[in-house]
Amino acid sequence: MQTKIQRWGNSLGLRIPKSIALEARVEAGSTVELTVKGGALVVRRVRVLEYDLRSLVKAINAKNLHEAVETGPPVGREAW
């Protein structure tokens, strides 16, 4: 499929046809990475990792638990 690069302010814009967007799983607002490989423009979808606090806390164990770090005495109205 062919499309045209068009001017968009001081930049250039590329319209992505719907069928290609669906196949690449991108939509308006998706983050993509642009690279050039062998003179070809490569547009790659960046998968945004979503973290769940409950899952992260469940993964804490003796091997990855860090020791407490001394940060000094309270400076403001911290409650220790």
Protein backbone atom coordinates (compact mmCIF):
# COMPACT_ATOMS: atom_id res chain seq x y z
CA MET A 1 0.00 0.00 0.00
CA GLN A 2 1.30 3.47 -0.81
CA THR A 3 0.62 6.77 0.93
CA LYS A 4 2.12 10.26 0.85
CA ILE A 5 4.18 12.14 3.39
CA GLN A 6 2.62 15.57 3.92
CA ARG A 7 3.73 18.77 5.61
CA TRP A 8 2.34 19.28 9.11
CA GLY A 9 3.55 22.64 10.43
CA ASN A 10 7.36 22.45 10.48
CA SER A 11 7.26 18.65 10.51
CA LEU A 12 6.16 15.91 8.16
CA GLY A 13 3.15 13.68 8.74
CA LEU A 14 2.31 10.21 7.53
CA ARG A 15 -1.28 9.01 7.20
CA ILE A 16 -1.68 5.38 8.14
CA PRO A 17 -4.55 3.65 6.34
CA LYS A 18 -7.10 1.98 8.62
CA SER A 19 -6.29 -1.56 7.48
CA ILE A 20 -2.58 -1.07 8.24
CA ALA A 21 -3.36 0.58 11.60
CA LEU A 22 -5.56 -2.36 12.60
CA GLU A 23 -2.91 -4.89 11.62
CA ALA A 24 -0.18 -2.94 13.47
CA ARG A 25 -2.54 -2.41 16.43
CA VAL A 26 -2.06 1.37 16.53
CA GLU A 27 -4.67 4.05 17.01
CA ALA A 28 -4.79 7.81 17.53
CA GLY A 29 -2.56 8.60 20.50
CA SER A 30 -0.44 5.43 20.22
CA THR A 31 3.26 5.88 20.88
CA VAL A 32 5.55 4.75 18.07
CA GLU A 33 9.29 4.60 17.58
CA LEU A 34 10.82 5.87 14.33
CA THR A 35 14.12 4.46 13.07
CA VAL A 36 15.96 4.25 9.78
CA LYS A 37 17.38 0.85 8.77
CA GLY A 38 19.18 0.46 5.48
CA GLY A 39 17.62 3.69 4.21
CA ALA A 40 14.09 2.50 5.07
CA LEU A 41 11.85 4.35 7.51
CA VAL A 42 10.64 1.92 10.16
CA VAL A 43 7.66 2.80 12.37
CA ARG A 44 7.28 0.48 15.34
CA ARG A 45 4.53 0.49 17.97
CA VAL A 46 5.83 0.98 21.51
CA ARG A 47 4.02 -1.16 24.00
CA VAL A 48 3.34 0.81 27.15
CA LEU A 49 3.75 -1.36 30.22
CA GLU A 50 0.99 -1.04 32.76
CA TYR A 51 1.91 -1.89 36.32
CA ASP A 52 -0.41 -3.17 39.01
CA LEU A 53 0.76 -2.33 42.56
CA ARG A 54 -0.75 -5.53 43.97
CA SER A 55 1.21 -7.68 41.49
CA LEU A 56 4.43 -5.75 42.10
CA VAL A 57 4.13 -6.13 45.88
CA LYS A 58 3.38 -9.86 45.50
CA ALA A 59 6.69 -10.22 43.64
CA ILE A 60 8.74 -8.93 46.59
CA ASN A 61 10.78 -11.71 48.16
CA ALA A 62 13.95 -12.17 50.23
CA LYS A 63 16.17 -12.06 47.11
CA ASN A 64 14.92 -8.70 45.81
CA LEU A 65 14.07 -6.91 49.07
CA HIS A 66 16.45 -4.03 49.69
CA GLU A 67 17.66 -2.99 53.11
CA ALA A 68 16.40 0.22 54.69
CA VAL A 69 18.25 3.37 53.60
CA GLU A 70 19.09 5.99 56.22
CA THR A 71 17.89 9.39 55.04
CA GLY A 72 18.67 11.41 58.18
CA PRO A 73 16.41 13.10 60.69
CA PRO A 74 13.03 14.62 59.74
CA VAL A 75 13.36 17.99 58.00
CA GLY A 76 9.77 19.16 57.86
CA ARG A 77 6.59 17.72 59.29
CA GLU A 78 7.27 14.07 58.39
CA ALA A 79 5.75 11.47 60.69
CA TRP A 80 8.11 8.58 61.46
